[in-house]
Every structure is written in C-alpha cells, then in structure tokens.
C-alpha cells in the first residue's frame, strides 16, 4: 500500500487488508505526508505530528500490531513534494523514518555511505526464497531541471545526461550485489512507477537512461523472478512491458490508501493489463508454491464490501487480478 495521508479518510481499508490474512505488509512510500501541502518542506515538528496523526488510526494500529511491516519512503515522507537530493529536510526525515519504523541501531541503512534508506529482506527456505528489495528513489535522485510547485504542475522534462540518476552509484552497486544472490521470487519496491510511459509526471521514464540501466542490470545478473511494485499516482493498475532480450516486466501499482484521482490516467493504456481502479485500494501478492509451475497472483482490492461473511473481503473480490508463473519470469 502507499499514499496514506494522516489527516484524510477513516483508514478502514487497513481492516480490509487484515480480512485477507496477509503474512507481510509492504509500506511503499508516502506512508504519511510530512510536507506543507506540496508547497514547502515540512519541519521536524510537523513531520513528527504527521506520524502521530497516522498512529491516531485504530485500524492502522491494529494492522501494525498484527502483521510484520517493512517500509520505504517516497517524496512526502521525506518532507518535500517531488523531493530530490537537494531536499533540505531529508536528514531530519530520515531520522524520524528510522525511529517510527523501529529500524535497529545496527541496521546497515543507518550507516550507508550515500545516506540512502534502501534495504533487502529475505523469506522462506532456499527452495522458496522470496527477496524483497526496497529501493530509495529520493535521497540521491538528481535534481530536476526546474523545481517547485509550478514545475510539478507543468511536468518534468526528460533528463538525458549520463550523470543524472534516480538511485545513485552506491545504490546501483548494492542492487547488483543483491540481484546476484539466490532467490526464486524477487519483488522490487519502487515508490515511483517503473513501467509507466512518459507524460511529464514523476516516474522512471523521466530518466530513461536509468530505466534502461535497470533492464540491463536484470539481464546481466541473470536475475529471474523479478517484478515491480509501485505507488505514488493515487490509482491502481497493472502494466506489462517486454524489454528486448529478456522476459516481460510487470509493475503492480497500488495507490492510495486514503485518497484517489477522479479517473485512471490514460498514459499507460497501451501497456496496461486489464482495467485500472481509480478509488482507494491496496495490492495483494499471493505466491502458490504448490502450483506447477509456481504461480504468482497479482491483485488489487478496493475498500468495498466483499463476498465473505458480513461483507468481508475474499480473494475473489479483487478489482484487478492477473496470474503469472515463474516460468514466464525467467531467461
């Protein structure tokens, strides 16, 4: 899930998540909004208040007490709208991020040389290994050619300089090392949409050389089983691209928890699998290890009554649902 404004909505969608009995919750960024209404960076006191506002939700507190949670951030929880490396409050936001998400003092994210909060998680035994890679797309993101509220509204030009980066050199090196480690399923949490086509909005298409670098890295490491999760856009969709010389890349966008757009953007019509969902939502990943070949069901659910007892959600109530197999996600 992503895009959860502490002052919007009743957050009952977190109860919906629990109805599906998840084993893990991936907080994909904009987990709270710490900037001043996308107009100015937030202060330490304001960001602390934003986290307190999130904790005021009993539904959120229940989910947090019931399910393991891993988190990364996006612009709003770094304290600045569309934040990049020049965000003046990013280190204040980082300290609060570590505190709120209970990141241990000896965790490598606290001492990375480039300051990024990216990290990796591994689950299950060798034959069923799931790798979850939580990217940091903000701390070292190159500055846009223009910045500020006006630039965000008018759209960002593509950045074609070989020095422009989303991840930064150190995170790219870390990612290569991670993709060379053994795993059957590899989930890459990218707070911004990875597959999305360019229209001036924030996503990987604004830095096309970085996007190609990701394709090349997956190919050069021979990493099978990769797909992406994303958020940011306040609607949900599943997209699929077919890069040259490799298997198809899926990107499951689930956004937002508390607020939504009036419609699904037509930007990705040509690469979207099925229909999008424009209302509040969360994503769900279901790996069936007993299937042959192993299957991965990628779904999106809304905050609507389900077909279970007393209107609870079941796996059949998804607004978006598509199943892929590990045979499809390999070289």
C-alpha atoms as a PDB file:
ATOM      1  CA  UNK A   1       0.000   0.000   0.000  1.00  0.00           C
ATOM      2  CA  UNK A   2       1.002   3.634  -0.482  1.00  0.00           C
ATOM      3  CA  UNK A   3      -0.213   7.224  -0.245  1.00  0.00           C
ATOM      4  CA  UNK A   4      -1.713   7.373   3.229  1.00  0.00           C
ATOM      5  CA  UNK A   5      -2.424  10.929   4.368  1.00  0.00           C
ATOM      6  CA  UNK A   6      -2.642  11.125   8.133  1.00  0.00           C
ATOM      7  CA  UNK A   7      -5.474  13.684   8.000  1.00  0.00           C
ATOM      8  CA  UNK A   8      -7.664  12.080   5.332  1.00  0.00           C
ATOM      9  CA  UNK A   9     -10.133   9.204   5.407  1.00  0.00           C
ATOM     10  CA  UNK A  10     -11.171   6.796   8.133  1.00  0.00           C
ATOM     11  CA  UNK A  11      -8.431   4.297   7.177  1.00  0.00           C
ATOM     12  CA  UNK A  12     -10.832   1.378   7.487  1.00  0.00           C
ATOM     13  CA  UNK A  13      -9.066  -0.030   4.442  1.00  0.00           C
ATOM     14  CA  UNK A  14      -6.442  -1.360   6.859  1.00  0.00           C
ATOM     15  CA  UNK A  15      -9.195  -3.547   8.334  1.00  0.00           C
ATOM     16  CA  UNK A  16      -9.880  -4.789   4.811  1.00  0.00           C
ATOM     17  CA  UNK A  17      -6.250  -5.770   4.457  1.00  0.00           C
ATOM     18  CA  UNK A  18      -6.468  -7.867   7.608  1.00  0.00           C
ATOM     19  CA  UNK A  19      -9.540  -9.660   6.251  1.00  0.00           C
ATOM     20  CA  UNK A  20      -7.253 -11.323   3.679  1.00  0.00           C
ATOM     21  CA  UNK A  21      -4.847 -12.596   6.369  1.00  0.00           C
ATOM     22  CA  UNK A  22      -1.583 -11.221   4.937  1.00  0.00           C
ATOM     23  CA  UNK A  23       1.798 -12.513   6.104  1.00  0.00           C
ATOM     24  CA  UNK A  24       3.578  -9.219   5.377  1.00  0.00           C
ATOM     25  CA  UNK A  25       2.682  -5.590   4.688  1.00  0.00           C
ATOM     26  CA  UNK A  26       4.932  -3.583   2.367  1.00  0.00           C
ATOM     27  CA  UNK A  27       4.612   0.158   3.028  1.00  0.00           C
ATOM     28  CA  UNK A  28       5.592   1.513  -0.359  1.00  0.00           C
ATOM     29  CA  UNK A  29       6.062   5.220   0.284  1.00  0.00           C
ATOM     30  CA  UNK A  30       4.033   8.326   1.081  1.00  0.00           C
ATOM     31  CA  UNK A  31       3.151   6.418   4.225  1.00  0.00           C
ATOM     32  CA  UNK A  32       2.438   9.826   5.728  1.00  0.00           C
ATOM     33  CA  UNK A  33       2.552  13.365   4.344  1.00  0.00           C
ATOM     34  CA  UNK A  34       5.243  15.432   6.026  1.00  0.00           C
ATOM     35  CA  UNK A  35       5.410  18.405   3.665  1.00  0.00           C
ATOM     36  CA  UNK A  36       3.237  21.518   3.820  1.00  0.00           C
ATOM     37  CA  UNK A  37       0.532  20.728   1.255  1.00  0.00           C
ATOM     38  CA  UNK A  38       3.110  20.173  -1.544  1.00  0.00           C
ATOM     39  CA  UNK A  39       4.098  23.841  -1.225  1.00  0.00           C
ATOM     40  CA  UNK A  40       7.047  23.800   1.198  1.00  0.00           C
ATOM     41  CA  UNK A  41       9.226  21.294   3.100  1.00  0.00           C
ATOM     42  CA  UNK A  42       7.926  20.200   6.456  1.00  0.00           C
ATOM     43  CA  UNK A  43       9.601  20.939   9.767  1.00  0.00           C
ATOM     44  CA  UNK A  44      10.719  18.310  12.269  1.00  0.00           C
ATOM     45  CA  UNK A  45       7.716  19.139  14.450  1.00  0.00           C
ATOM     46  CA  UNK A  46       5.296  18.879  11.543  1.00  0.00           C
ATOM     47  CA  UNK A  47       6.673  15.509  10.423  1.00  0.00           C
ATOM     48  CA  UNK A  48       6.530  14.186  13.983  1.00  0.00           C
ATOM     49  CA  UNK A  49       2.918  15.308  14.096  1.00  0.00           C
ATOM     50  CA  UNK A  50       2.223  13.518  10.818  1.00  0.00           C
ATOM     51  CA  UNK A  51       3.446  10.233  12.266  1.00  0.00           C
ATOM     52  CA  UNK A  52       1.348  10.831  15.392  1.00  0.00           C
ATOM     53  CA  UNK A  53      -1.623  11.508  13.149  1.00  0.00           C
ATOM     54  CA  UNK A  54      -1.091   8.164  11.430  1.00  0.00           C
ATOM     55  CA  UNK A  55      -0.955   6.399  14.772  1.00  0.00           C
ATOM     56  CA  UNK A  56      -4.263   8.009  15.740  1.00  0.00           C
ATOM     57  CA  UNK A  57      -5.934   5.490  13.420  1.00  0.00           C
ATOM     58  CA  UNK A  58      -7.017   2.411  15.345  1.00  0.00           C
ATOM     59  CA  UNK A  59      -7.262   0.458  12.093  1.00  0.00           C
ATOM     60  CA  UNK A  60      -3.623   1.246  11.288  1.00  0.00           C
ATOM     61  CA  UNK A  61      -2.513   0.407  14.832  1.00  0.00           C
ATOM     62  CA  UNK A  62      -4.301  -2.931  14.609  1.00  0.00           C
ATOM     63  CA  UNK A  63      -2.596  -3.800  11.316  1.00  0.00           C
ATOM     64  CA  UNK A  64       0.776  -2.745  12.687  1.00  0.00           C
ATOM     65  CA  UNK A  65       0.289  -4.929  15.759  1.00  0.00           C
ATOM     66  CA  UNK A  66      -0.891  -7.929  13.711  1.00  0.00           C
ATOM     67  CA  UNK A  67       1.346  -8.128  10.641  1.00  0.00           C
ATOM     68  CA  UNK A  68       5.102  -7.700  10.068  1.00  0.00           C
ATOM     69  CA  UNK A  69       5.732  -4.461   8.154  1.00  0.00           C
ATOM     70  CA  UNK A  70       8.659  -3.313   6.027  1.00  0.00           C
ATOM     71  CA  UNK A  71       8.821   0.216   4.657  1.00  0.00           C
ATOM     72  CA  UNK A  72      10.494   2.568   2.249  1.00  0.00           C
ATOM     73  CA  UNK A  73       9.633   6.199   1.553  1.00  0.00           C
ATOM     74  CA  UNK A  74       8.639   8.488  -1.270  1.00  0.00           C
ATOM     75  CA  UNK A  75       8.622  12.260  -1.539  1.00  0.00           C
ATOM     76  CA  UNK A  76       6.011  13.178   1.059  1.00  0.00           C
ATOM     77  CA  UNK A  77       7.553  11.152   3.877  1.00  0.00           C
ATOM     78  CA  UNK A  78      10.921  12.719   3.032  1.00  0.00           C
ATOM     79  CA  UNK A  79       9.265  16.032   3.899  1.00  0.00           C
ATOM     80  CA  UNK A  80       9.210  17.640   0.439  1.00  0.00           C
ATOM     81  CA  UNK A  81       6.948  17.232  -2.568  1.00  0.00           C
ATOM     82  CA  UNK A  82       8.770  15.638  -5.550  1.00  0.00           C
ATOM     83  CA  UNK A  83      11.926  15.574  -3.421  1.00  0.00           C
ATOM     84  CA  UNK A  84      15.395  15.014  -4.832  1.00  0.00           C
ATOM     85  CA  UNK A  85      18.947  15.052  -3.476  1.00  0.00           C
ATOM     86  CA  UNK A  86      18.637  18.778  -2.690  1.00  0.00           C
ATOM     87  CA  UNK A  87      15.716  18.272  -0.275  1.00  0.00           C
ATOM     88  CA  UNK A  88      16.721  20.460   2.717  1.00  0.00           C
ATOM     89  CA  UNK A  89      14.929  18.318   5.329  1.00  0.00           C
ATOM     90  CA  UNK A  90      15.804  14.814   4.121  1.00  0.00           C
ATOM     91  CA  UNK A  91      18.136  14.026   7.036  1.00  0.00           C
ATOM     92  CA  UNK A  92      15.562  15.141   9.581  1.00  0.00           C
ATOM     93  CA  UNK A  93      13.008  12.979   7.780  1.00  0.00           C
ATOM     94  CA  UNK A  94      15.422  10.054   7.705  1.00  0.00           C
ATOM     95  CA  UNK A  95      15.963  10.149  11.473  1.00  0.00           C
ATOM     96  CA  UNK A  96      12.198  10.179  12.003  1.00  0.00           C
ATOM     97  CA  UNK A  97      11.747   7.339   9.490  1.00  0.00           C
ATOM     98  CA  UNK A  98      14.231   5.170  11.398  1.00  0.00           C
ATOM     99  CA  UNK A  99      12.538   5.996  14.685  1.00  0.00           C
ATOM    100  CA  UNK A 100       8.980   5.384  13.531  1.00  0.00           C
ATOM    101  CA  UNK A 101       9.701   2.130  11.714  1.00  0.00           C
ATOM    102  CA  UNK A 102      11.863   0.796  14.575  1.00  0.00           C
ATOM    103  CA  UNK A 103      14.975   0.344  12.444  1.00  0.00           C
ATOM    104  CA  UNK A 104      17.646  -1.186  14.749  1.00  0.00           C
ATOM    105  CA  UNK A 105      20.718   0.835  15.627  1.00  0.00           C
ATOM    106  CA  UNK A 106      22.990  -1.715  13.918  1.00  0.00           C
ATOM    107  CA  UNK A 107      20.959  -1.825  10.689  1.00  0.00           C
ATOM    108  CA  UNK A 108      23.176  -1.027   7.650  1.00  0.00           C
ATOM    109  CA  UNK A 109      20.663   1.575   6.465  1.00  0.00           C
ATOM    110  CA  UNK A 110      21.762   3.809   9.326  1.00  0.00           C
ATOM    111  CA  UNK A 111      25.344   3.985   8.069  1.00  0.00           C
ATOM    112  CA  UNK A 112      25.219   3.757   4.277  1.00  0.00           C
ATOM    113  CA  UNK A 113      27.897   5.986   2.726  1.00  0.00           C
ATOM    114  CA  UNK A 114      25.401   7.635   0.380  1.00  0.00           C
ATOM    115  CA  UNK A 115      22.743   8.126   3.062  1.00  0.00           C
ATOM    116  CA  UNK A 116      20.052   6.065   1.308  1.00  0.00           C
ATOM    117  CA  UNK A 117      17.476   4.028   3.229  1.00  0.00           C
ATOM    118  CA  UNK A 118      17.283   1.178   0.697  1.00  0.00           C
ATOM    119  CA  UNK A 119      17.350  -2.360   2.080  1.00  0.00           C
ATOM    120  CA  UNK A 120      16.698  -6.038   1.378  1.00  0.00           C
ATOM    121  CA  UNK A 121      14.603  -8.719   3.068  1.00  0.00           C
ATOM    122  CA  UNK A 122      14.584 -12.482   2.578  1.00  0.00           C
ATOM    123  CA  UNK A 123      11.879 -15.003   3.437  1.00  0.00           C
ATOM    124  CA  UNK A 124      11.496 -18.810   3.383  1.00  0.00           C
ATOM    125  CA  UNK A 125      13.991 -21.607   2.734  1.00  0.00           C
ATOM    126  CA  UNK A 126      16.280 -21.922  -0.281  1.00  0.00           C
ATOM    127  CA  UNK A 127      13.681 -23.650  -2.459  1.00  0.00           C
ATOM    128  CA  UNK A 128      11.052 -20.997  -1.742  1.00  0.00           C
ATOM    129  CA  UNK A 129      13.215 -17.920  -1.279  1.00  0.00           C
ATOM    130  CA  UNK A 130      11.451 -14.556  -1.661  1.00  0.00           C
ATOM    131  CA  UNK A 131      13.675 -11.494  -1.966  1.00  0.00           C
ATOM    132  CA  UNK A 132      12.117  -8.078  -1.341  1.00  0.00           C
ATOM    133  CA  UNK A 133      14.232  -5.114  -2.422  1.00  0.00           C
ATOM    134  CA  UNK A 134      13.100  -1.765  -1.014  1.00  0.00           C
ATOM    135  CA  UNK A 135      14.555   0.980  -3.181  1.00  0.00           C
ATOM    136  CA  UNK A 136      15.197   4.592  -2.145  1.00  0.00           C
ATOM    137  CA  UNK A 137      14.259   6.829  -5.078  1.00  0.00           C
ATOM    138  CA  UNK A 138      14.648  10.115  -3.206  1.00  0.00           C
ATOM    139  CA  UNK A 139      17.802  10.591  -1.173  1.00  0.00           C
ATOM    140  CA  UNK A 140      20.173  10.633  -4.160  1.00  0.00           C
ATOM    141  CA  UNK A 141      17.770  11.436  -7.009  1.00  0.00           C
ATOM    142  CA  UNK A 142      19.333  14.052  -9.296  1.00  0.00           C
ATOM    143  CA  UNK A 143      17.659  17.478  -9.202  1.00  0.00           C
ATOM    144  CA  UNK A 144      15.106  18.184 -11.887  1.00  0.00           C
ATOM    145  CA  UNK A 145      15.851  20.890 -14.437  1.00  0.00           C
ATOM    146  CA  UNK A 146      13.244  23.033 -12.685  1.00  0.00           C
ATOM    147  CA  UNK A 147      11.681  22.590  -9.264  1.00  0.00           C
ATOM    148  CA  UNK A 148       8.920  23.899  -7.044  1.00  0.00           C
ATOM    149  CA  UNK A 149       5.110  23.712  -7.168  1.00  0.00           C
ATOM    150  CA  UNK A 150       4.923  25.257 -10.649  1.00  0.00           C
ATOM    151  CA  UNK A 151       7.323  22.683 -12.097  1.00  0.00           C
ATOM    152  CA  UNK A 152       5.375  19.844 -10.522  1.00  0.00           C
ATOM    153  CA  UNK A 153       2.183  21.072 -12.152  1.00  0.00           C
ATOM    154  CA  UNK A 154       3.684  21.730 -15.593  1.00  0.00           C
ATOM    155  CA  UNK A 155       5.582  18.427 -15.786  1.00  0.00           C
ATOM    156  CA  UNK A 156       9.235  17.433 -15.836  1.00  0.00           C
ATOM    157  CA  UNK A 157      11.403  17.267 -18.938  1.00  0.00           C
ATOM    158  CA  UNK A 158      13.302  14.055 -19.613  1.00  0.00           C
ATOM    159  CA  UNK A 159      16.832  14.006 -18.206  1.00  0.00           C
ATOM    160  CA  UNK A 160      19.293  12.519 -20.684  1.00  0.00           C
ATOM    161  CA  UNK A 161      22.594  13.367 -19.029  1.00  0.00           C
ATOM    162  CA  UNK A 162      24.633  10.207 -18.292  1.00  0.00           C
ATOM    163  CA  UNK A 163      25.253  11.698 -14.849  1.00  0.00           C
ATOM    164  CA  UNK A 164      21.563  12.015 -13.965  1.00  0.00           C
ATOM    165  CA  UNK A 165      20.453   9.283 -11.575  1.00  0.00           C
ATOM    166  CA  UNK A 166      17.491   8.013  -9.603  1.00  0.00           C
ATOM    167  CA  UNK A 167      19.328   5.635  -7.269  1.00  0.00           C
ATOM    168  CA  UNK A 168      22.873   6.983  -7.105  1.00  0.00           C
ATOM    169  CA  UNK A 169      26.040   4.973  -7.804  1.00  0.00           C
ATOM    170  CA  UNK A 170      26.253   3.285  -4.401  1.00  0.00           C
ATOM    171  CA  UNK A 171      22.677   2.019  -4.503  1.00  0.00           C
ATOM    172  CA  UNK A 172      23.190   0.686  -8.028  1.00  0.00           C
ATOM    173  CA  UNK A 173      26.206  -1.293  -6.809  1.00  0.00           C
ATOM    174  CA  UNK A 174      24.196  -2.608  -3.861  1.00  0.00           C
ATOM    175  CA  UNK A 175      21.333  -3.604  -6.173  1.00  0.00           C
ATOM    176  CA  UNK A 176      23.655  -5.544  -8.457  1.00  0.00           C
ATOM    177  CA  UNK A 177      25.025  -7.454  -5.467  1.00  0.00           C
ATOM    178  CA  UNK A 178      21.501  -8.249  -4.295  1.00  0.00           C
ATOM    179  CA  UNK A 179      20.291  -9.444  -7.695  1.00  0.00           C
ATOM    180  CA  UNK A 180      23.211 -11.880  -7.837  1.00  0.00           C
ATOM    181  CA  UNK A 181      22.073 -13.539  -4.591  1.00  0.00           C
ATOM    182  CA  UNK A 182      19.918 -16.661  -4.940  1.00  0.00           C
ATOM    183  CA  UNK A 183      16.139 -16.196  -4.834  1.00  0.00           C
ATOM    184  CA  UNK A 184      13.119 -17.674  -6.595  1.00  0.00           C
ATOM    185  CA  UNK A 185      10.849 -14.605  -6.446  1.00  0.00           C
ATOM    186  CA  UNK A 186      12.264 -11.062  -6.496  1.00  0.00           C
ATOM    187  CA  UNK A 187       9.961  -8.191  -5.579  1.00  0.00           C
ATOM    188  CA  UNK A 188      11.375  -4.722  -6.258  1.00  0.00           C
ATOM    189  CA  UNK A 189       9.515  -1.994  -4.375  1.00  0.00           C
ATOM    190  CA  UNK A 190       9.881   1.199  -6.393  1.00  0.00           C
ATOM    191  CA  UNK A 191       7.910   4.071  -4.908  1.00  0.00           C
ATOM    192  CA  UNK A 192       7.536   5.591  -8.396  1.00  0.00           C
ATOM    193  CA  UNK A 193       6.065   3.655 -11.303  1.00  0.00           C
ATOM    194  CA  UNK A 194       8.731   1.732 -13.182  1.00  0.00           C
ATOM    195  CA  UNK A 195       6.931   0.662 -16.365  1.00  0.00           C
ATOM    196  CA  UNK A 196       4.986   3.871 -16.803  1.00  0.00           C
ATOM    197  CA  UNK A 197       5.223   5.790 -20.061  1.00  0.00           C
ATOM    198  CA  UNK A 198       6.375   9.419 -20.149  1.00  0.00           C
ATOM    199  CA  UNK A 199       3.927  12.286 -19.777  1.00  0.00           C
ATOM    200  CA  UNK A 200       5.904  14.670 -17.588  1.00  0.00           C
ATOM    201  CA  UNK A 201       4.806  13.118 -14.314  1.00  0.00           C
ATOM    202  CA  UNK A 202       7.332  11.651 -11.916  1.00  0.00           C
ATOM    203  CA  UNK A 203       8.355   8.092 -12.822  1.00  0.00           C
ATOM    204  CA  UNK A 204      11.334   6.237 -14.263  1.00  0.00           C
ATOM    205  CA  UNK A 205      10.523   7.458 -17.798  1.00  0.00           C
ATOM    206  CA  UNK A 206      11.740  10.946 -16.824  1.00  0.00           C
ATOM    207  CA  UNK A 207      15.238   9.410 -16.593  1.00  0.00           C
ATOM    208  CA  UNK A 208      15.173   6.907 -19.468  1.00  0.00           C
ATOM    209  CA  UNK A 209      18.871   6.018 -19.177  1.00  0.00           C
ATOM    210  CA  UNK A 210      18.269   4.895 -15.593  1.00  0.00           C
ATOM    211  CA  UNK A 211      15.311   2.822 -16.711  1.00  0.00           C
ATOM    212  CA  UNK A 212      17.439   1.134 -19.367  1.00  0.00           C
ATOM    213  CA  UNK A 213      20.140   0.591 -16.754  1.00  0.00           C
ATOM    214  CA  UNK A 214      17.644  -1.388 -14.682  1.00  0.00           C
ATOM    215  CA  UNK A 215      16.788  -3.587 -17.660  1.00  0.00           C
ATOM    216  CA  UNK A 216      20.480  -4.107 -18.380  1.00  0.00           C
ATOM    217  CA  UNK A 217      21.205  -4.961 -14.742  1.00  0.00           C
ATOM    218  CA  UNK A 218      18.453  -7.563 -14.527  1.00  0.00           C
ATOM    219  CA  UNK A 219      19.794  -9.066 -17.758  1.00  0.00           C
ATOM    220  CA  UNK A 220      23.497  -9.002 -16.816  1.00  0.00           C
ATOM    221  CA  UNK A 221      22.893 -10.574 -13.399  1.00  0.00           C
ATOM    222  CA  UNK A 222      20.615 -13.231 -14.876  1.00  0.00           C
ATOM    223  CA  UNK A 223      18.085 -12.454 -12.149  1.00  0.00           C
ATOM    224  CA  UNK A 224      14.935 -14.479 -12.724  1.00  0.00           C
ATOM    225  CA  UNK A 225      11.605 -13.896 -10.997  1.00  0.00           C
ATOM    226  CA  UNK A 226      11.685 -10.070 -10.945  1.00  0.00           C
ATOM    227  CA  UNK A 227       8.589  -7.891 -10.856  1.00  0.00           C
ATOM    228  CA  UNK A 228       7.938  -4.391  -9.525  1.00  0.00           C
ATOM    229  CA  UNK A 229       5.585  -2.794  -7.041  1.00  0.00           C
ATOM    230  CA  UNK A 230       4.883   0.939  -7.134  1.00  0.00           C
ATOM    231  CA  UNK A 231       2.624   3.661  -5.789  1.00  0.00           C
ATOM    232  CA  UNK A 232       2.500   7.476  -5.962  1.00  0.00           C
ATOM    233  CA  UNK A 233      -0.244   8.107  -8.533  1.00  0.00           C
ATOM    234  CA  UNK A 234      -3.461   7.726  -6.452  1.00  0.00           C
ATOM    235  CA  UNK A 235      -4.965   4.995  -8.619  1.00  0.00           C
ATOM    236  CA  UNK A 236      -4.063   1.381  -9.319  1.00  0.00           C
ATOM    237  CA  UNK A 237      -3.093  -0.542 -12.419  1.00  0.00           C
ATOM    238  CA  UNK A 238      -1.041  -3.494 -13.620  1.00  0.00           C
ATOM    239  CA  UNK A 239       1.324  -2.829 -16.508  1.00  0.00           C
ATOM    240  CA  UNK A 240       3.498  -5.124 -18.604  1.00  0.00           C
ATOM    241  CA  UNK A 241       6.441  -4.323 -20.865  1.00  0.00           C
ATOM    242  CA  UNK A 242       8.619  -6.580 -22.993  1.00  0.00           C
ATOM    243  CA  UNK A 243      12.226  -5.345 -22.989  1.00  0.00           C
ATOM    244  CA  UNK A 244      14.465  -6.664 -25.741  1.00  0.00           C
ATOM    245  CA  UNK A 245      16.282  -9.865 -24.887  1.00  0.00           C
ATOM    246  CA  UNK A 246      14.539 -10.605 -21.594  1.00  0.00           C
ATOM    247  CA  UNK A 247      11.331 -11.771 -20.014  1.00  0.00           C
ATOM    248  CA  UNK A 248       8.314  -9.463 -19.526  1.00  0.00           C
ATOM    249  CA  UNK A 249       8.417  -6.951 -16.697  1.00  0.00           C
ATOM    250  CA  UNK A 250       5.283  -6.425 -14.602  1.00  0.00           C
ATOM    251  CA  UNK A 251       4.627  -3.404 -12.396  1.00  0.00           C
ATOM    252  CA  UNK A 252       1.760  -3.520  -9.882  1.00  0.00           C
ATOM    253  CA  UNK A 253       0.726  -0.025  -8.810  1.00  0.00           C
ATOM    254  CA  UNK A 254      -1.394   0.251  -5.649  1.00  0.00           C
ATOM    255  CA  UNK A 255      -2.194   3.826  -4.562  1.00  0.00           C
ATOM    256  CA  UNK A 256      -3.678   5.312  -2.480  1.00  0.00           C
ATOM    257  CA  UNK A 257      -4.796   4.201   0.920  1.00  0.00           C
ATOM    258  CA  UNK A 258      -6.697   7.387   1.815  1.00  0.00           C
ATOM    259  CA  UNK A 259      -7.272   9.374  -1.384  1.00  0.00           C
ATOM    260  CA  UNK A 260      -7.640   8.839  -5.120  1.00  0.00           C
ATOM    261  CA  UNK A 261      -7.839  10.502  -8.518  1.00  0.00           C
ATOM    262  CA  UNK A 262     -11.066  11.157 -10.394  1.00  0.00           C
ATOM    263  CA  UNK A 263     -10.001   8.730 -13.110  1.00  0.00           C
ATOM    264  CA  UNK A 264      -7.228   6.375 -14.147  1.00  0.00           C
ATOM    265  CA  UNK A 265      -4.648   8.177 -16.269  1.00  0.00           C
ATOM    266  CA  UNK A 266      -4.769   7.110 -19.929  1.00  0.00           C
ATOM    267  CA  UNK A 267      -0.955   7.371 -20.082  1.00  0.00           C
ATOM    268  CA  UNK A 268      -0.399   3.616 -19.798  1.00  0.00           C
ATOM    269  CA  UNK A 269      -3.343   2.387 -21.849  1.00  0.00           C
ATOM    270  CA  UNK A 270      -1.027   0.614 -24.296  1.00  0.00           C
ATOM    271  CA  UNK A 271       0.836  -1.369 -21.629  1.00  0.00           C
ATOM    272  CA  UNK A 272      -1.924  -1.875 -19.050  1.00  0.00           C
ATOM    273  CA  UNK A 273      -3.125  -5.409 -18.343  1.00  0.00           C
ATOM    274  CA  UNK A 274      -6.901  -5.253 -17.946  1.00  0.00           C
ATOM    275  CA  UNK A 275      -8.507  -2.177 -16.392  1.00  0.00           C
ATOM    276  CA  UNK A 276      -7.256   0.194 -13.739  1.00  0.00           C
ATOM    277  CA  UNK A 277      -9.037   1.069 -10.478  1.00  0.00           C
ATOM    278  CA  UNK A 278      -9.427   4.741  -9.598  1.00  0.00           C
ATOM    279  CA  UNK A 279     -10.604   4.514  -5.985  1.00  0.00           C
ATOM    280  CA  UNK A 280      -8.741   3.835  -2.736  1.00  0.00           C
ATOM    281  CA  UNK A 281      -7.018   0.483  -2.844  1.00  0.00           C
ATOM    282  CA  UNK A 282      -4.267  -1.861  -1.724  1.00  0.00           C
ATOM    283  CA  UNK A 283      -2.327  -4.531  -3.574  1.00  0.00           C
ATOM    284  CA  UNK A 284      -2.025  -8.222  -2.734  1.00  0.00           C
ATOM    285  CA  UNK A 285       0.583 -10.762  -3.844  1.00  0.00           C
ATOM    286  CA  UNK A 286      -0.248 -14.442  -3.496  1.00  0.00           C
ATOM    287  CA  UNK A 287       2.527 -16.955  -4.258  1.00  0.00           C
ATOM    288  CA  UNK A 288       1.369 -20.549  -4.787  1.00  0.00           C
ATOM    289  CA  UNK A 289       4.416 -22.754  -4.255  1.00  0.00           C
ATOM    290  CA  UNK A 290       2.373 -25.927  -4.797  1.00  0.00           C
ATOM    291  CA  UNK A 291       1.381 -24.973  -8.330  1.00  0.00           C
ATOM    292  CA  UNK A 292       3.435 -26.329 -11.224  1.00  0.00           C
ATOM    293  CA  UNK A 293       4.896 -24.064 -12.364  1.00  0.00           C
ATOM    294  CA  UNK A 294       4.865 -21.834  -9.297  1.00  0.00           C
ATOM    295  CA  UNK A 295       2.268 -19.094  -9.778  1.00  0.00           C
ATOM    296  CA  UNK A 296       2.118 -15.507  -8.527  1.00  0.00           C
ATOM    297  CA  UNK A 297      -1.283 -13.840  -8.390  1.00  0.00           C
ATOM    298  CA  UNK A 298      -1.061 -10.059  -8.546  1.00  0.00           C
ATOM    299  CA  UNK A 299      -4.215  -8.361  -7.286  1.00  0.00           C
ATOM    300  CA  UNK A 300      -5.662  -5.008  -6.234  1.00  0.00           C
ATOM    301  CA  UNK A 301      -8.566  -4.640  -3.797  1.00  0.00           C
ATOM    302  CA  UNK A 302     -10.759  -1.673  -3.012  1.00  0.00           C
ATOM    303  CA  UNK A 303     -12.398  -0.515   0.190  1.00  0.00           C
ATOM    304  CA  UNK A 304     -15.745  -2.042  -0.760  1.00  0.00           C
ATOM    305  CA  UNK A 305     -17.871  -4.819   0.697  1.00  0.00           C
ATOM    306  CA  UNK A 306     -16.715  -8.283  -0.250  1.00  0.00           C
ATOM    307  CA  UNK A 307     -18.475 -11.597  -0.798  1.00  0.00           C
ATOM    308  CA  UNK A 308     -17.462 -13.111   2.533  1.00  0.00           C
ATOM    309  CA  UNK A 309     -19.470 -13.253   5.770  1.00  0.00           C
ATOM    310  CA  UNK A 310     -20.765  -9.806   6.801  1.00  0.00           C
ATOM    311  CA  UNK A 311     -19.265  -8.318   3.667  1.00  0.00           C
ATOM    312  CA  UNK A 312     -15.664  -9.277   4.387  1.00  0.00           C
ATOM    313  CA  UNK A 313     -13.224  -9.473   1.505  1.00  0.00           C
ATOM    314  CA  UNK A 314     -12.244 -12.738  -0.137  1.00  0.00           C
ATOM    315  CA  UNK A 315      -9.604 -13.374  -2.786  1.00  0.00           C
ATOM    316  CA  UNK A 316     -12.405 -13.389  -5.376  1.00  0.00           C
ATOM    317  CA  UNK A 317     -13.270  -9.737  -4.721  1.00  0.00           C
ATOM    318  CA  UNK A 318     -10.247  -8.204  -6.425  1.00  0.00           C
ATOM    319  CA  UNK A 319     -10.722  -5.191  -8.708  1.00  0.00           C
ATOM    320  CA  UNK A 320      -7.599  -6.195 -10.658  1.00  0.00           C
ATOM    321  CA  UNK A 321      -6.278  -9.752 -10.853  1.00  0.00           C
ATOM    322  CA  UNK A 322      -3.649 -11.368 -13.040  1.00  0.00           C
ATOM    323  CA  UNK A 323      -1.619 -14.521 -12.523  1.00  0.00           C
ATOM    324  CA  UNK A 324       1.915 -15.035 -13.805  1.00  0.00           C
ATOM    325  CA  UNK A 325       4.167 -18.055 -13.407  1.00  0.00           C
ATOM    326  CA  UNK A 326       7.842 -18.293 -12.594  1.00  0.00           C
ATOM    327  CA  UNK A 327       8.318 -19.944 -15.982  1.00  0.00           C
ATOM    328  CA  UNK A 328       7.241 -16.638 -17.537  1.00  0.00           C
ATOM    329  CA  UNK A 329       9.681 -14.634 -15.420  1.00  0.00           C
ATOM    330  CA  UNK A 330      12.932 -16.253 -16.440  1.00  0.00           C
ATOM    331  CA  UNK A 331      15.613 -16.020 -19.090  1.00  0.00           C
END
